[in-house]
PDB file of all heavy atoms in Angstrom:
ATOM      1  N   VAL A   1     -12.382   2.386  -4.897  1.00  0.00           N
ATOM      2  CA  VAL A   1     -12.024   2.645  -3.609  1.00  0.00           C
ATOM      3  C   VAL A   1     -10.770   3.520  -3.715  1.00  0.00           C
ATOM      4  O   VAL A   1      -9.853   3.241  -4.341  1.00  0.00           O
ATOM      5  CB  VAL A   1     -11.724   1.401  -2.849  1.00  0.00           C
ATOM      6  CG1 VAL A   1     -11.257   1.704  -1.426  1.00  0.00           C
ATOM      7  CG2 VAL A   1     -12.808   0.459  -2.769  1.00  0.00           C
ATOM      8  N   ALA A   2     -10.836   4.465  -2.842  1.00  0.00           N
ATOM      9  CA  ALA A   2      -9.546   5.443  -2.625  1.00  0.00           C
ATOM     10  C   ALA A   2      -8.818   5.012  -1.358  1.00  0.00           C
ATOM     11  O   ALA A   2      -9.471   4.805  -0.336  1.00  0.00           O
ATOM     12  CB  ALA A   2      -9.962   6.973  -2.628  1.00  0.00           C
ATOM     13  N   ILE A   3      -7.578   4.938  -1.440  1.00  0.00           N
ATOM     14  CA  ILE A   3      -6.651   4.654  -0.283  1.00  0.00           C
ATOM     15  C   ILE A   3      -5.718   5.838  -0.023  1.00  0.00           C
ATOM     16  O   ILE A   3      -4.847   6.172  -0.856  1.00  0.00           O
ATOM     17  CB  ILE A   3      -5.965   3.295  -0.520  1.00  0.00           C
ATOM     18  CG1 ILE A   3      -6.887   2.209  -0.787  1.00  0.00           C
ATOM     19  CG2 ILE A   3      -5.088   2.958   0.746  1.00  0.00           C
ATOM     20  CD1 ILE A   3      -6.224   0.848  -1.136  1.00  0.00           C
ATOM     21  N   CYS A   4      -5.899   6.504   1.021  1.00  0.00           N
ATOM     22  CA  CYS A   4      -5.273   7.633   1.293  1.00  0.00           C
ATOM     23  C   CYS A   4      -4.148   7.388   2.326  1.00  0.00           C
ATOM     24  O   CYS A   4      -4.344   7.171   3.588  1.00  0.00           O
ATOM     25  CB  CYS A   4      -6.085   8.730   1.949  1.00  0.00           C
ATOM     26  SG  CYS A   4      -7.528   9.150   0.829  1.00  0.00           S
ATOM     27  N   GLY A   5      -2.821   7.312   1.853  1.00  0.00           N
ATOM     28  CA  GLY A   5      -1.741   6.856   2.677  1.00  0.00           C
ATOM     29  C   GLY A   5      -1.399   5.431   2.325  1.00  0.00           C
ATOM     30  O   GLY A   5      -2.293   4.595   2.412  1.00  0.00           O
ATOM     31  N   LEU A   6      -0.161   5.137   2.072  1.00  0.00           N
ATOM     32  CA  LEU A   6       0.275   3.736   1.545  1.00  0.00           C
ATOM     33  C   LEU A   6       1.330   3.275   2.373  1.00  0.00           C
ATOM     34  O   LEU A   6       2.276   2.533   1.951  1.00  0.00           O
ATOM     35  CB  LEU A   6       0.820   3.948   0.075  1.00  0.00           C
ATOM     36  CG  LEU A   6      -0.251   4.560  -0.936  1.00  0.00           C
ATOM     37  CD1 LEU A   6       0.329   4.584  -2.309  1.00  0.00           C
ATOM     38  CD2 LEU A   6      -1.579   3.813  -0.932  1.00  0.00           C
ATOM     39  N   GLY A   7       1.229   3.479   3.741  1.00  0.00           N
ATOM     40  CA  GLY A   7       2.207   2.801   4.655  1.00  0.00           C
ATOM     41  C   GLY A   7       1.681   1.470   5.152  1.00  0.00           C
ATOM     42  O   GLY A   7       1.133   0.591   4.297  1.00  0.00           O
ATOM     43  N   GLY A   8       1.834   1.259   6.448  1.00  0.00           N
ATOM     44  CA  GLY A   8       1.457  -0.076   6.924  1.00  0.00           C
ATOM     45  C   GLY A   8       0.029  -0.423   6.687  1.00  0.00           C
ATOM     46  O   GLY A   8      -0.285  -1.580   6.512  1.00  0.00           O
ATOM     47  N   LEU A   9      -0.861   0.522   6.992  1.00  0.00           N
ATOM     48  CA  LEU A   9      -2.367   0.250   6.753  1.00  0.00           C
ATOM     49  C   LEU A   9      -2.614   0.199   5.183  1.00  0.00           C
ATOM     50  O   LEU A   9      -3.120  -0.717   4.779  1.00  0.00           O
ATOM     51  CB  LEU A   9      -3.136   1.337   7.418  1.00  0.00           C
ATOM     52  CG  LEU A   9      -3.056   1.405   8.947  1.00  0.00           C
ATOM     53  CD1 LEU A   9      -3.745   2.690   9.442  1.00  0.00           C
ATOM     54  CD2 LEU A   9      -3.922   0.161   9.477  1.00  0.00           C
ATOM     55  N   GLY A  10      -2.206   1.384   4.597  1.00  0.00           N
ATOM     56  CA  GLY A  10      -2.696   1.445   3.297  1.00  0.00           C
ATOM     57  C   GLY A  10      -2.196   0.493   2.293  1.00  0.00           C
ATOM     58  O   GLY A  10      -2.960  -0.014   1.390  1.00  0.00           O
ATOM     59  N   SER A  11      -0.921   0.187   2.397  1.00  0.00           N
ATOM     60  CA  SER A  11      -0.417  -0.916   1.459  1.00  0.00           C
ATOM     61  C   SER A  11      -0.887  -2.294   1.644  1.00  0.00           C
ATOM     62  O   SER A  11      -1.237  -3.023   0.774  1.00  0.00           O
ATOM     63  CB  SER A  11       1.150  -1.015   1.657  1.00  0.00           C
ATOM     64  OG  SER A  11       1.512  -1.403   2.958  1.00  0.00           O
ATOM     65  N   ASN A  12      -1.258  -2.552   2.968  1.00  0.00           N
ATOM     66  CA  ASN A  12      -1.938  -3.899   3.282  1.00  0.00           C
ATOM     67  C   ASN A  12      -3.390  -3.796   2.877  1.00  0.00           C
ATOM     68  O   ASN A  12      -3.890  -4.872   2.329  1.00  0.00           O
ATOM     69  CB  ASN A  12      -1.823  -4.156   4.753  1.00  0.00           C
ATOM     70  CG  ASN A  12      -0.540  -4.809   5.188  1.00  0.00           C
ATOM     71  OD1 ASN A  12      -0.219  -5.937   4.806  1.00  0.00           O
ATOM     72  ND2 ASN A  12       0.331  -3.971   5.695  1.00  0.00           N
ATOM     73  N   ILE A  13      -4.109  -2.780   3.036  1.00  0.00           N
ATOM     74  CA  ILE A  13      -5.425  -2.561   2.573  1.00  0.00           C
ATOM     75  C   ILE A  13      -5.518  -2.900   1.043  1.00  0.00           C
ATOM     76  O   ILE A  13      -6.406  -3.535   0.525  1.00  0.00           O
ATOM     77  CB  ILE A  13      -6.052  -1.153   2.914  1.00  0.00           C
ATOM     78  CG1 ILE A  13      -6.263  -1.037   4.407  1.00  0.00           C
ATOM     79  CG2 ILE A  13      -7.362  -1.015   2.191  1.00  0.00           C
ATOM     80  CD1 ILE A  13      -6.474   0.434   4.805  1.00  0.00           C
ATOM     81  N   ALA A  14      -4.633  -2.166   0.349  1.00  0.00           N
ATOM     82  CA  ALA A  14      -4.633  -2.376  -1.200  1.00  0.00           C
ATOM     83  C   ALA A  14      -4.440  -3.716  -1.610  1.00  0.00           C
ATOM     84  O   ALA A  14      -5.087  -4.236  -2.541  1.00  0.00           O
ATOM     85  CB  ALA A  14      -3.529  -1.454  -1.716  1.00  0.00           C
ATOM     86  N   VAL A  15      -3.525  -4.469  -0.912  1.00  0.00           N
ATOM     87  CA  VAL A  15      -3.232  -5.878  -1.348  1.00  0.00           C
ATOM     88  C   VAL A  15      -4.461  -6.690  -1.142  1.00  0.00           C
ATOM     89  O   VAL A  15      -4.860  -7.436  -2.030  1.00  0.00           O
ATOM     90  CB  VAL A  15      -2.151  -6.461  -0.538  1.00  0.00           C
ATOM     91  CG1 VAL A  15      -1.978  -7.946  -0.789  1.00  0.00           C
ATOM     92  CG2 VAL A  15      -0.652  -5.822  -0.984  1.00  0.00           C
ATOM     93  N   HIS A  16      -5.135  -6.567   0.064  1.00  0.00           N
ATOM     94  CA  HIS A  16      -6.459  -7.269   0.333  1.00  0.00           C
ATOM     95  C   HIS A  16      -7.541  -7.022  -0.706  1.00  0.00           C
ATOM     96  O   HIS A  16      -8.172  -7.986  -1.223  1.00  0.00           O
ATOM     97  CB  HIS A  16      -6.902  -6.947   1.696  1.00  0.00           C
ATOM     98  CG  HIS A  16      -6.177  -7.543   2.839  1.00  0.00           C
ATOM     99  ND1 HIS A  16      -5.697  -8.844   2.842  1.00  0.00           N
ATOM    100  CD2 HIS A  16      -5.634  -6.990   3.900  1.00  0.00           C
ATOM    101  CE1 HIS A  16      -5.120  -9.055   3.942  1.00  0.00           C
ATOM    102  NE2 HIS A  16      -4.966  -7.890   4.634  1.00  0.00           N
ATOM    103  N   LEU A  17      -7.726  -5.793  -1.053  1.00  0.00           N
ATOM    104  CA  LEU A  17      -8.686  -5.335  -1.964  1.00  0.00           C
ATOM    105  C   LEU A  17      -8.362  -5.888  -3.437  1.00  0.00           C
ATOM    106  O   LEU A  17      -9.308  -6.274  -4.228  1.00  0.00           O
ATOM    107  CB  LEU A  17      -9.052  -3.820  -1.927  1.00  0.00           C
ATOM    108  CG  LEU A  17      -9.353  -3.295  -0.649  1.00  0.00           C
ATOM    109  CD1 LEU A  17      -9.688  -1.768  -0.730  1.00  0.00           C
ATOM    110  CD2 LEU A  17     -10.703  -3.952  -0.107  1.00  0.00           C
ATOM    111  N   ALA A  18      -7.157  -5.767  -3.746  1.00  0.00           N
ATOM    112  CA  ALA A  18      -6.721  -6.199  -5.205  1.00  0.00           C
ATOM    113  C   ALA A  18      -6.991  -7.758  -5.171  1.00  0.00           C
ATOM    114  O   ALA A  18      -7.512  -8.207  -6.216  1.00  0.00           O
ATOM    115  CB  ALA A  18      -5.313  -5.882  -5.470  1.00  0.00           C
ATOM    116  N   ARG A  19      -6.647  -8.491  -4.177  1.00  0.00           N
ATOM    117  CA  ARG A  19      -6.828  -9.935  -4.129  1.00  0.00           C
ATOM    118  C   ARG A  19      -8.261 -10.248  -4.261  1.00  0.00           C
ATOM    119  O   ARG A  19      -8.649 -11.428  -4.744  1.00  0.00           O
ATOM    120  CB  ARG A  19      -6.180 -10.533  -2.947  1.00  0.00           C
ATOM    121  CG  ARG A  19      -4.618 -10.616  -3.023  1.00  0.00           C
ATOM    122  CD  ARG A  19      -4.039 -11.540  -2.085  1.00  0.00           C
ATOM    123  NE  ARG A  19      -2.593 -11.383  -2.044  1.00  0.00           N
ATOM    124  CZ  ARG A  19      -1.753 -12.021  -2.898  1.00  0.00           C
ATOM    125  NH1 ARG A  19      -2.257 -12.652  -3.947  1.00  0.00           N
ATOM    126  NH2 ARG A  19      -0.395 -11.797  -2.800  1.00  0.00           N
ATOM    127  N   ALA A  20      -9.131  -9.482  -3.686  1.00  0.00           N
ATOM    128  CA  ALA A  20     -10.498  -9.716  -3.639  1.00  0.00           C
ATOM    129  C   ALA A  20     -11.203  -9.377  -4.974  1.00  0.00           C
ATOM    130  O   ALA A  20     -12.415  -9.761  -5.326  1.00  0.00           O
ATOM    131  CB  ALA A  20     -11.237  -8.958  -2.589  1.00  0.00           C
ATOM    132  N   GLY A  21     -10.511  -8.804  -5.840  1.00  0.00           N
ATOM    133  CA  GLY A  21     -11.017  -8.374  -7.268  1.00  0.00           C
ATOM    134  C   GLY A  21     -11.746  -7.077  -7.227  1.00  0.00           C
ATOM    135  O   GLY A  21     -12.547  -6.861  -8.226  1.00  0.00           O
ATOM    136  N   VAL A  22     -11.413  -6.186  -6.340  1.00  0.00           N
ATOM    137  CA  VAL A  22     -12.070  -4.821  -6.426  1.00  0.00           C
ATOM    138  C   VAL A  22     -11.636  -4.178  -7.821  1.00  0.00           C
ATOM    139  O   VAL A  22     -10.325  -4.278  -8.017  1.00  0.00           O
ATOM    140  CB  VAL A  22     -11.623  -3.966  -5.276  1.00  0.00           C
ATOM    141  CG1 VAL A  22     -12.096  -2.523  -5.521  1.00  0.00           C
ATOM    142  CG2 VAL A  22     -12.311  -4.510  -3.988  1.00  0.00           C
ATOM    143  N   GLY A  23     -12.397  -3.660  -8.533  1.00  0.00           N
ATOM    144  CA  GLY A  23     -12.156  -3.225  -9.976  1.00  0.00           C
ATOM    145  C   GLY A  23     -11.254  -2.072 -10.061  1.00  0.00           C
ATOM    146  O   GLY A  23     -10.472  -1.941 -10.977  1.00  0.00           O
ATOM    147  N   SER A  24     -11.318  -1.044  -9.078  1.00  0.00           N
ATOM    148  CA  SER A  24     -10.632   0.180  -9.286  1.00  0.00           C
ATOM    149  C   SER A  24     -10.108   0.664  -7.952  1.00  0.00           C
ATOM    150  O   SER A  24     -10.894   0.783  -6.993  1.00  0.00           O
ATOM    151  CB  SER A  24     -11.568   1.253  -9.865  1.00  0.00           C
ATOM    152  OG  SER A  24     -10.824   2.510 -10.040  1.00  0.00           O
ATOM    153  N   LEU A  25      -8.719   0.861  -7.894  1.00  0.00           N
ATOM    154  CA  LEU A  25      -8.106   1.449  -6.800  1.00  0.00           C
ATOM    155  C   LEU A  25      -7.422   2.661  -7.052  1.00  0.00           C
ATOM    156  O   LEU A  25      -6.595   2.857  -7.971  1.00  0.00           O
ATOM    157  CB  LEU A  25      -7.151   0.350  -6.145  1.00  0.00           C
ATOM    158  CG  LEU A  25      -7.631  -0.867  -5.739  1.00  0.00           C
ATOM    159  CD1 LEU A  25      -6.408  -1.877  -5.315  1.00  0.00           C
ATOM    160  CD2 LEU A  25      -8.596  -0.798  -4.479  1.00  0.00           C
ATOM    161  N   HIS A  26      -7.645   3.771  -6.207  1.00  0.00           N
ATOM    162  CA  HIS A  26      -6.946   5.021  -6.338  1.00  0.00           C
ATOM    163  C   HIS A  26      -6.016   5.184  -5.113  1.00  0.00           C
ATOM    164  O   HIS A  26      -6.278   5.215  -4.047  1.00  0.00           O
ATOM    165  CB  HIS A  26      -7.967   6.207  -6.226  1.00  0.00           C
ATOM    166  CG  HIS A  26      -7.384   7.397  -6.501  1.00  0.00           C
ATOM    167  ND1 HIS A  26      -8.111   8.609  -6.493  1.00  0.00           N
ATOM    168  CD2 HIS A  26      -6.173   7.895  -6.852  1.00  0.00           C
ATOM    169  CE1 HIS A  26      -7.520   9.680  -6.716  1.00  0.00           C
ATOM    170  NE2 HIS A  26      -6.328   9.293  -7.059  1.00  0.00           N
ATOM    171  N   LEU A  27      -4.592   5.122  -5.486  1.00  0.00           N
ATOM    172  CA  LEU A  27      -3.590   5.154  -4.479  1.00  0.00           C
ATOM    173  C   LEU A  27      -3.061   6.521  -4.309  1.00  0.00           C
ATOM    174  O   LEU A  27      -2.720   7.211  -5.305  1.00  0.00           O
ATOM    175  CB  LEU A  27      -2.482   4.241  -4.859  1.00  0.00           C
ATOM    176  CG  LEU A  27      -2.940   2.713  -5.263  1.00  0.00           C
ATOM    177  CD1 LEU A  27      -1.669   1.911  -5.669  1.00  0.00           C
ATOM    178  CD2 LEU A  27      -3.639   2.084  -4.235  1.00  0.00           C
ATOM    179  N   MET A  28      -2.956   7.024  -3.037  1.00  0.00           N
ATOM    180  CA  MET A  28      -2.338   8.307  -2.827  1.00  0.00           C
ATOM    181  C   MET A  28      -1.415   8.469  -1.748  1.00  0.00           C
ATOM    182  O   MET A  28      -1.829   7.946  -0.594  1.00  0.00           O
ATOM    183  CB  MET A  28      -3.587   9.401  -2.536  1.00  0.00           C
ATOM    184  CG  MET A  28      -4.413   9.729  -3.735  1.00  0.00           C
ATOM    185  SD  MET A  28      -5.978  10.431  -3.339  1.00  0.00           S
ATOM    186  CE  MET A  28      -6.922   8.935  -3.010  1.00  0.00           C
ATOM    187  N   ASP A  29      -0.212   9.081  -2.001  1.00  0.00           N
ATOM    188  CA  ASP A  29       0.787   9.208  -1.037  1.00  0.00           C
ATOM    189  C   ASP A  29       1.803  10.044  -1.748  1.00  0.00           C
ATOM    190  O   ASP A  29       1.924  10.076  -2.904  1.00  0.00           O
ATOM    191  CB  ASP A  29       1.362   7.887  -0.550  1.00  0.00           C
ATOM    192  CG  ASP A  29       2.070   8.048   0.690  1.00  0.00           C
ATOM    193  OD1 ASP A  29       2.986   8.861   0.937  1.00  0.00           O
ATOM    194  OD2 ASP A  29       1.808   7.021   1.702  1.00  0.00           O
ATOM    195  N   PHE A  30       2.708  10.694  -0.885  1.00  0.00           N
ATOM    196  CA  PHE A  30       3.747  11.564  -1.550  1.00  0.00           C
ATOM    197  C   PHE A  30       5.139  11.097  -1.024  1.00  0.00           C
ATOM    198  O   PHE A  30       6.155  11.554  -1.563  1.00  0.00           O
ATOM    199  CB  PHE A  30       3.585  12.999  -1.145  1.00  0.00           C
ATOM    200  CG  PHE A  30       3.825  13.356   0.360  1.00  0.00           C
ATOM    201  CD1 PHE A  30       4.956  13.578   0.851  1.00  0.00           C
ATOM    202  CD2 PHE A  30       2.759  13.157   1.318  1.00  0.00           C
ATOM    203  CE1 PHE A  30       5.180  13.858   2.273  1.00  0.00           C
ATOM    204  CE2 PHE A  30       2.896  13.358   2.610  1.00  0.00           C
ATOM    205  CZ  PHE A  30       4.180  13.732   3.114  1.00  0.00           C
ATOM    206  N   ASP A  31       5.152   9.927  -0.266  1.00  0.00           N
ATOM    207  CA  ASP A  31       6.390   9.576   0.428  1.00  0.00           C
ATOM    208  C   ASP A  31       7.154   8.569  -0.515  1.00  0.00           C
ATOM    209  O   ASP A  31       6.542   7.892  -1.517  1.00  0.00           O
ATOM    210  CB  ASP A  31       6.075   8.904   1.699  1.00  0.00           C
ATOM    211  CG  ASP A  31       7.332   8.950   2.710  1.00  0.00           C
ATOM    212  OD1 ASP A  31       8.312   9.468   2.232  1.00  0.00           O
ATOM    213  OD2 ASP A  31       7.177   8.486   3.821  1.00  0.00           O
ATOM    214  N   THR A  32       8.434   8.279  -0.056  1.00  0.00           N
ATOM    215  CA  THR A  32       9.182   7.291  -0.810  1.00  0.00           C
ATOM    216  C   THR A  32       9.425   6.011   0.121  1.00  0.00           C
ATOM    217  O   THR A  32       9.247   6.201   1.303  1.00  0.00           O
ATOM    218  CB  THR A  32      10.537   7.762  -1.268  1.00  0.00           C
ATOM    219  OG1 THR A  32      11.218   8.324  -0.125  1.00  0.00           O
ATOM    220  CG2 THR A  32      10.418   8.823  -2.322  1.00  0.00           C
ATOM    221  N   VAL A  33       9.754   4.848  -0.523  1.00  0.00           N
ATOM    222  CA  VAL A  33       9.973   3.680   0.296  1.00  0.00           C
ATOM    223  C   VAL A  33      11.279   3.807   1.141  1.00  0.00           C
ATOM    224  O   VAL A  33      12.350   4.072   0.469  1.00  0.00           O
ATOM    225  CB  VAL A  33       9.973   2.383  -0.550  1.00  0.00           C
ATOM    226  CG1 VAL A  33      10.165   1.218   0.276  1.00  0.00           C
ATOM    227  CG2 VAL A  33       8.673   2.344  -1.283  1.00  0.00           C
ATOM    228  N   ASP A  34      11.281   3.697   2.380  1.00  0.00           N
ATOM    229  CA  ASP A  34      12.470   3.732   3.211  1.00  0.00           C
ATOM    230  C   ASP A  34      12.630   2.371   3.928  1.00  0.00           C
ATOM    231  O   ASP A  34      11.709   1.630   4.111  1.00  0.00           O
ATOM    232  CB  ASP A  34      12.214   4.721   4.278  1.00  0.00           C
ATOM    233  CG  ASP A  34      13.371   5.033   5.181  1.00  0.00           C
ATOM    234  OD1 ASP A  34      14.279   5.760   4.811  1.00  0.00           O
ATOM    235  OD2 ASP A  34      13.391   4.502   6.309  1.00  0.00           O
ATOM    236  N   ILE A  35      13.902   2.155   4.375  1.00  0.00           N
ATOM    237  CA  ILE A  35      14.269   0.816   4.994  1.00  0.00           C
ATOM    238  C   ILE A  35      13.502   0.674   6.326  1.00  0.00           C
ATOM    239  O   ILE A  35      13.067  -0.495   6.596  1.00  0.00           O
ATOM    240  CB  ILE A  35      15.668   0.792   5.308  1.00  0.00           C
ATOM    241  CG1 ILE A  35      16.105  -0.687   5.568  1.00  0.00           C
ATOM    242  CG2 ILE A  35      16.182   1.713   6.299  1.00  0.00           C
ATOM    243  CD1 ILE A  35      17.655  -1.019   5.596  1.00  0.00           C
ATOM    244  N   SER A  36      13.030   1.751   6.847  1.00  0.00           N
ATOM    245  CA  SER A  36      12.245   1.611   8.089  1.00  0.00           C
ATOM    246  C   SER A  36      10.749   1.100   7.828  1.00  0.00           C
ATOM    247  O   SER A  36      10.107   0.657   8.666  1.00  0.00           O
ATOM    248  CB  SER A  36      12.170   2.972   8.863  1.00  0.00           C
ATOM    249  OG  SER A  36      11.521   3.988   8.092  1.00  0.00           O
ATOM    250  N   ASN A  37      10.419   1.056   6.626  1.00  0.00           N
ATOM    251  CA  ASN A  37       9.066   0.751   6.201  1.00  0.00           C
ATOM    252  C   ASN A  37       8.981  -0.751   6.039  1.00  0.00           C
ATOM    253  O   ASN A  37       7.869  -1.367   5.994  1.00  0.00           O
ATOM    254  CB  ASN A  37       8.711   1.404   4.861  1.00  0.00           C
ATOM    255  CG  ASN A  37       8.579   2.819   4.780  1.00  0.00           C
ATOM    256  OD1 ASN A  37       9.008   3.459   3.820  1.00  0.00           O
ATOM    257  ND2 ASN A  37       8.391   3.474   6.029  1.00  0.00           N
ATOM    258  N   LEU A  38      10.098  -1.554   5.966  1.00  0.00           N
ATOM    259  CA  LEU A  38      10.114  -2.906   5.402  1.00  0.00           C
ATOM    260  C   LEU A  38       9.534  -3.859   6.453  1.00  0.00           C
ATOM    261  O   LEU A  38       9.167  -5.008   6.174  1.00  0.00           O
ATOM    262  CB  LEU A  38      11.477  -3.259   4.881  1.00  0.00           C
ATOM    263  CG  LEU A  38      12.024  -2.482   3.702  1.00  0.00           C
ATOM    264  CD1 LEU A  38      13.345  -3.043   3.407  1.00  0.00           C
ATOM    265  CD2 LEU A  38      11.034  -2.549   2.624  1.00  0.00           C
ATOM    266  N   ASN A  39       9.431  -3.328   7.764  1.00  0.00           N
ATOM    267  CA  ASN A  39       9.013  -4.293   8.855  1.00  0.00           C
ATOM    268  C   ASN A  39       7.490  -4.511   8.847  1.00  0.00           C
ATOM    269  O   ASN A  39       7.000  -5.407   9.486  1.00  0.00           O
ATOM    270  CB  ASN A  39       9.461  -3.822  10.165  1.00  0.00           C
ATOM    271  CG  ASN A  39       8.578  -2.690  10.671  1.00  0.00           C
ATOM    272  OD1 ASN A  39       8.216  -1.721  10.129  1.00  0.00           O
ATOM    273  ND2 ASN A  39       8.173  -2.893  12.025  1.00  0.00           N
ATOM    274  N   ARG A  40       6.728  -3.751   8.007  1.00  0.00           N
ATOM    275  CA  ARG A  40       5.293  -3.769   8.211  1.00  0.00           C
ATOM    276  C   ARG A  40       4.611  -3.343   6.931  1.00  0.00           C
ATOM    277  O   ARG A  40       3.379  -3.579   6.890  1.00  0.00           O
ATOM    278  CB  ARG A  40       4.758  -2.930   9.355  1.00  0.00           C
ATOM    279  CG  ARG A  40       4.990  -1.469   9.170  1.00  0.00           C
ATOM    280  CD  ARG A  40       4.734  -0.616  10.273  1.00  0.00           C
ATOM    281  NE  ARG A  40       4.782   0.887  10.098  1.00  0.00           N
ATOM    282  CZ  ARG A  40       5.965   1.553   9.863  1.00  0.00           C
ATOM    283  NH1 ARG A  40       7.130   0.902   9.961  1.00  0.00           N
ATOM    284  NH2 ARG A  40       5.929   2.813   9.689  1.00  0.00           N
ATOM    285  N   GLN A  41       5.268  -2.873   5.946  1.00  0.00           N
ATOM    286  CA  GLN A  41       4.641  -2.436   4.733  1.00  0.00           C
ATOM    287  C   GLN A  41       4.841  -3.321   3.472  1.00  0.00           C
ATOM    288  O   GLN A  41       5.945  -3.998   3.508  1.00  0.00           O
ATOM    289  CB  GLN A  41       5.086  -0.895   4.406  1.00  0.00           C
ATOM    290  CG  GLN A  41       4.767   0.010   5.550  1.00  0.00           C
ATOM    291  CD  GLN A  41       5.142   1.414   5.367  1.00  0.00           C
ATOM    292  OE1 GLN A  41       5.445   1.861   4.174  1.00  0.00           O
ATOM    293  NE2 GLN A  41       5.359   2.264   6.393  1.00  0.00           N
ATOM    294  N   GLN A  42       3.953  -3.273   2.525  1.00  0.00           N
ATOM    295  CA  GLN A  42       4.009  -4.190   1.481  1.00  0.00           C
ATOM    296  C   GLN A  42       4.959  -3.685   0.286  1.00  0.00           C
ATOM    297  O   GLN A  42       4.669  -3.495  -0.771  1.00  0.00           O
ATOM    298  CB  GLN A  42       2.695  -4.347   0.802  1.00  0.00           C
ATOM    299  CG  GLN A  42       1.669  -5.166   1.810  1.00  0.00           C
ATOM    300  CD  GLN A  42       2.080  -6.564   1.984  1.00  0.00           C
ATOM    301  OE1 GLN A  42       2.794  -7.225   1.097  1.00  0.00           O
ATOM    302  NE2 GLN A  42       1.726  -7.225   3.025  1.00  0.00           N
ATOM    303  N   TYR A  43       6.246  -3.581   0.723  1.00  0.00           N
ATOM    304  CA  TYR A  43       7.376  -3.170  -0.106  1.00  0.00           C
ATOM    305  C   TYR A  43       8.498  -4.026   0.062  1.00  0.00           C
ATOM    306  O   TYR A  43       8.647  -4.903   0.968  1.00  0.00           O
ATOM    307  CB  TYR A  43       7.772  -1.744   0.168  1.00  0.00           C
ATOM    308  CG  TYR A  43       6.610  -0.762   0.020  1.00  0.00           C
ATOM    309  CD1 TYR A  43       5.962  -0.112   1.087  1.00  0.00           C
ATOM    310  CD2 TYR A  43       6.110  -0.421  -1.266  1.00  0.00           C
ATOM    311  CE1 TYR A  43       4.907   0.708   1.032  1.00  0.00           C
ATOM    312  CE2 TYR A  43       5.085   0.406  -1.294  1.00  0.00           C
ATOM    313  CZ  TYR A  43       4.458   0.995  -0.314  1.00  0.00           C
ATOM    314  OH  TYR A  43       3.296   1.719  -0.294  1.00  0.00           O
ATOM    315  N   PHE A  44       9.428  -4.048  -0.976  1.00  0.00           N
ATOM    316  CA  PHE A  44      10.620  -4.960  -0.988  1.00  0.00           C
ATOM    317  C   PHE A  44      11.924  -4.055  -1.089  1.00  0.00           C
ATOM    318  O   PHE A  44      11.870  -2.915  -1.454  1.00  0.00           O
ATOM    319  CB  PHE A  44      10.492  -5.796  -2.321  1.00  0.00           C
ATOM    320  CG  PHE A  44       9.275  -6.573  -2.405  1.00  0.00           C
ATOM    321  CD1 PHE A  44       8.174  -6.173  -3.136  1.00  0.00           C
ATOM    322  CD2 PHE A  44       9.148  -7.764  -1.717  1.00  0.00           C
ATOM    323  CE1 PHE A  44       7.092  -6.923  -3.291  1.00  0.00           C
ATOM    324  CE2 PHE A  44       7.940  -8.484  -1.785  1.00  0.00           C
ATOM    325  CZ  PHE A  44       6.846  -8.019  -2.533  1.00  0.00           C
ATOM    326  N   PRO A  45      13.027  -4.634  -0.530  1.00  0.00           N
ATOM    327  CA  PRO A  45      14.200  -3.977  -0.493  1.00  0.00           C
ATOM    328  C   PRO A  45      14.618  -3.379  -1.879  1.00  0.00           C
ATOM    329  O   PRO A  45      15.223  -2.239  -1.965  1.00  0.00           O
ATOM    330  CB  PRO A  45      15.229  -4.982  -0.133  1.00  0.00           C
ATOM    331  CG  PRO A  45      14.494  -5.906   0.825  1.00  0.00           C
ATOM    332  CD  PRO A  45      13.145  -6.053   0.038  1.00  0.00           C
ATOM    333  N   ALA A  46      14.304  -4.057  -2.983  1.00  0.00           N
ATOM    334  CA  ALA A  46      14.656  -3.523  -4.307  1.00  0.00           C
ATOM    335  C   ALA A  46      13.858  -2.244  -4.622  1.00  0.00           C
ATOM    336  O   ALA A  46      14.162  -1.632  -5.649  1.00  0.00           O
ATOM    337  CB  ALA A  46      14.341  -4.524  -5.277  1.00  0.00           C
TER     338      ALA A  46
END
């Protein structure tokens, strides 16, 4: 499965598919993690 965009949608989609045991994930994005992302995206302050 290819996931285009790793924000609120993409990061959550990826976590669900990984937990389900999907064998291969292709992650695509050019952005960096920003503090404004932390309210809804699967990232951590660190």
